[in-house]
Amino acid sequence: MSKQKNTYSIRTYSAKEGEIKRDWYIVDADGQTVGRLATKVASVLRGKHKVSFTPNADTGDFVIVVNAGKIKMTGKREDQKEYFHNTLYPGGARFAKFKDLRANHPDRIVESAVKGMLPKNTLGRSIGMKLKVYAGAEHPHEAQQPKVMVLG
């Protein structure tokens, strides 16, 4: 048996900066679990839901998360989960419980969960700036006409 030689070539597509079309999505975090919400949001921020996904380029969309104050965790994590922050001064370690953080700064819960799922480099930091988190239902991004993102 003889093998036929392919006469066509398949080229990998890489998105250019000017070709990227960015959409705005809005997510309601009311009653959602932190980790499950964060994985979907991180995927959209990164652009993995698009056909034009390029790993070394920022091809993702903007995501607005509202009602971050009504987010939940499963099991005993609501009582046991601790968030760590260091002020970079000697003895500057700061710990915050999930319940306290949800009461005072609920946006930090979602931001830390999503940013922990992004690349740890300059690309990840630029992708992280497209995440907008708000504790309540109001947000100042009505002019961008965000589409509602349904989490399955």
Protein backbone atom coordinates (compact mmCIF):
# COMPACT_ATOMS: atom_id res chain seq x y z
CA MET A 1 0.00 0.00 0.00
CA SER A 2 1.27 3.42 -0.85
CA LYS A 3 0.60 6.42 1.31
CA GLN A 4 -0.68 9.55 -0.35
CA LYS A 5 1.02 12.81 0.43
CA ASN A 6 -1.18 15.64 1.65
CA THR A 7 -1.27 18.49 -0.81
CA TYR A 8 -2.66 21.01 1.62
CA SER A 9 -1.06 22.57 4.66
CA ILE A 10 -2.73 23.21 8.00
CA ARG A 11 -1.60 26.33 9.75
CA THR A 12 -2.19 27.25 13.37
CA TYR A 13 -4.18 30.45 13.79
CA SER A 14 -2.80 33.09 16.15
CA ALA A 15 -4.99 36.04 17.04
CA LYS A 16 -3.52 39.50 16.42
CA GLU A 17 -4.21 42.41 18.77
CA GLY A 18 -6.37 44.29 16.25
CA GLU A 19 -8.51 41.25 15.37
CA ILE A 20 -9.74 40.58 18.91
CA LYS A 21 -13.38 41.53 19.56
CA ARG A 22 -14.15 41.86 23.26
CA ASP A 23 -17.64 41.43 24.68
CA TRP A 24 -18.95 42.29 28.14
CA TYR A 25 -20.69 39.65 30.25
CA ILE A 26 -22.53 40.00 33.54
CA VAL A 27 -22.75 37.20 36.12
CA ASP A 28 -25.07 37.08 39.11
CA ALA A 29 -23.22 35.45 42.04
CA ASP A 30 -26.34 35.15 44.21
CA GLY A 31 -26.37 31.61 45.65
CA GLN A 32 -23.39 30.47 43.54
CA THR A 33 -20.50 28.44 44.93
CA VAL A 34 -17.19 30.35 44.88
CA GLY A 35 -15.05 27.79 43.06
CA ARG A 36 -17.60 26.85 40.40
CA LEU A 37 -18.28 30.50 39.63
CA ALA A 38 -14.56 31.31 39.53
CA THR A 39 -13.70 28.56 37.02
CA LYS A 40 -16.32 29.73 34.53
CA VAL A 41 -15.38 33.40 34.95
CA ALA A 42 -11.65 32.67 34.60
CA SER A 43 -12.30 30.72 31.41
CA VAL A 44 -14.21 33.63 29.85
CA LEU A 45 -11.61 36.17 31.00
CA ARG A 46 -8.88 34.06 29.42
CA GLY A 47 -10.84 33.64 26.17
CA LYS A 48 -10.98 29.84 26.17
CA HIS A 49 -14.63 29.91 25.07
CA LYS A 50 -13.66 31.48 21.72
CA VAL A 51 -12.52 29.78 18.55
CA SER A 52 -9.76 32.38 18.23
CA PHE A 53 -8.16 31.45 21.59
CA THR A 54 -4.42 32.04 21.59
CA PRO A 55 -2.51 30.99 24.74
CA ASN A 56 0.08 33.78 24.56
CA ALA A 57 -2.38 36.61 23.86
CA ASP A 58 -5.19 38.26 25.78
CA THR A 59 -8.21 37.14 23.73
CA GLY A 60 -10.76 37.13 26.57
CA ASP A 61 -13.81 39.19 27.36
CA PHE A 62 -14.75 41.52 30.21
CA VAL A 63 -16.77 40.01 33.08
CA ILE A 64 -18.88 41.89 35.63
CA VAL A 65 -19.80 39.93 38.78
CA VAL A 66 -22.68 41.37 40.81
CA ASN A 67 -24.12 40.28 44.18
CA ALA A 68 -20.75 39.04 45.41
CA GLY A 69 -22.02 39.51 48.97
CA LYS A 70 -24.47 36.63 48.46
CA ILE A 71 -21.89 34.06 47.38
CA LYS A 72 -21.59 30.81 49.36
CA MET A 73 -19.25 27.92 50.11
CA THR A 74 -20.15 24.32 50.72
CA GLY A 75 -19.64 22.28 53.85
CA LYS A 76 -17.77 23.75 56.82
CA ARG A 77 -15.71 26.11 54.65
CA GLU A 78 -17.89 29.10 55.61
CA ASP A 79 -16.54 28.76 59.15
CA GLN A 80 -13.05 27.36 58.48
CA LYS A 81 -11.77 29.05 55.28
CA GLU A 82 -9.08 31.69 55.92
CA TYR A 83 -7.63 34.21 53.50
CA PHE A 84 -4.01 35.26 53.93
CA HIS A 85 -2.46 38.63 53.13
CA ASN A 86 0.97 40.01 54.03
CA THR A 87 1.69 43.72 54.26
CA LEU A 88 5.41 42.99 53.62
CA TYR A 89 6.31 44.60 56.93
CA PRO A 90 7.81 42.46 59.73
CA GLY A 91 4.94 40.72 61.49
CA GLY A 92 2.59 41.87 58.73
CA ALA A 93 0.73 38.59 58.22
CA ARG A 94 -3.02 39.19 58.12
CA PHE A 95 -5.66 36.47 58.22
CA ALA A 96 -9.37 36.92 57.52
CA LYS A 97 -12.18 34.40 57.86
CA PHE A 98 -14.58 33.86 54.95
CA LYS A 99 -17.56 35.12 56.97
CA ASP A 100 -15.77 38.34 57.97
CA LEU A 101 -14.55 38.97 54.44
CA ARG A 102 -18.03 38.39 53.01
CA ALA A 103 -19.46 40.90 55.47
CA ASN A 104 -16.81 43.60 54.91
CA HIS A 105 -15.22 43.11 51.46
CA PRO A 106 -17.16 40.48 49.44
CA ASP A 107 -15.52 41.54 46.18
CA ARG A 108 -12.13 40.31 47.41
CA ILE A 109 -13.43 36.73 47.72
CA VAL A 110 -14.34 36.47 44.05
CA GLU A 111 -11.26 38.41 42.89
CA SER A 112 -8.84 36.15 44.77
CA ALA A 113 -10.57 32.98 43.55
CA VAL A 114 -10.55 34.06 39.90
CA LYS A 115 -7.06 35.56 39.90
CA GLY A 116 -5.73 32.35 41.44
CA MET A 117 -6.91 30.52 38.31
CA LEU A 118 -5.17 32.88 35.87
CA PRO A 119 -1.53 32.66 34.70
CA LYS A 120 1.03 34.06 37.15
CA ASN A 121 2.75 36.48 34.75
CA THR A 122 2.15 39.82 33.03
CA LEU A 123 -0.48 38.26 30.78
CA GLY A 124 -2.40 37.01 33.82
CA ARG A 125 -2.25 40.42 35.46
CA SER A 126 -3.59 42.16 32.36
CA ILE A 127 -6.36 39.55 32.07
CA GLY A 128 -7.24 40.08 35.75
CA MET A 129 -7.89 43.77 35.14
CA LYS A 130 -10.89 42.86 32.96
CA LEU A 131 -12.72 41.44 36.00
CA LYS A 132 -15.14 43.85 37.71
CA VAL A 133 -16.71 42.67 40.99
CA TYR A 134 -19.46 44.45 42.94
CA ALA A 135 -21.01 43.51 46.29
CA GLY A 136 -24.53 44.59 45.32
CA ALA A 137 -26.69 44.43 42.22
CA GLU A 138 -25.70 47.87 40.88
CA HIS A 139 -22.73 48.45 38.59
CA PRO A 140 -21.54 51.44 36.50
CA HIS A 141 -21.10 49.48 33.23
CA GLU A 142 -24.56 49.83 31.66
CA ALA A 143 -23.07 51.75 28.72
CA GLN A 144 -21.15 48.63 27.62
CA GLN A 145 -24.46 46.70 27.28
CA PRO A 146 -23.27 43.49 28.98
CA LYS A 147 -24.79 40.16 27.99
CA VAL A 148 -26.08 37.90 30.76
CA MET A 149 -23.85 34.87 31.22
CA VAL A 150 -25.77 31.83 32.44
CA LEU A 151 -23.75 29.45 34.58
CA GLY A 152 -24.78 25.85 34.00
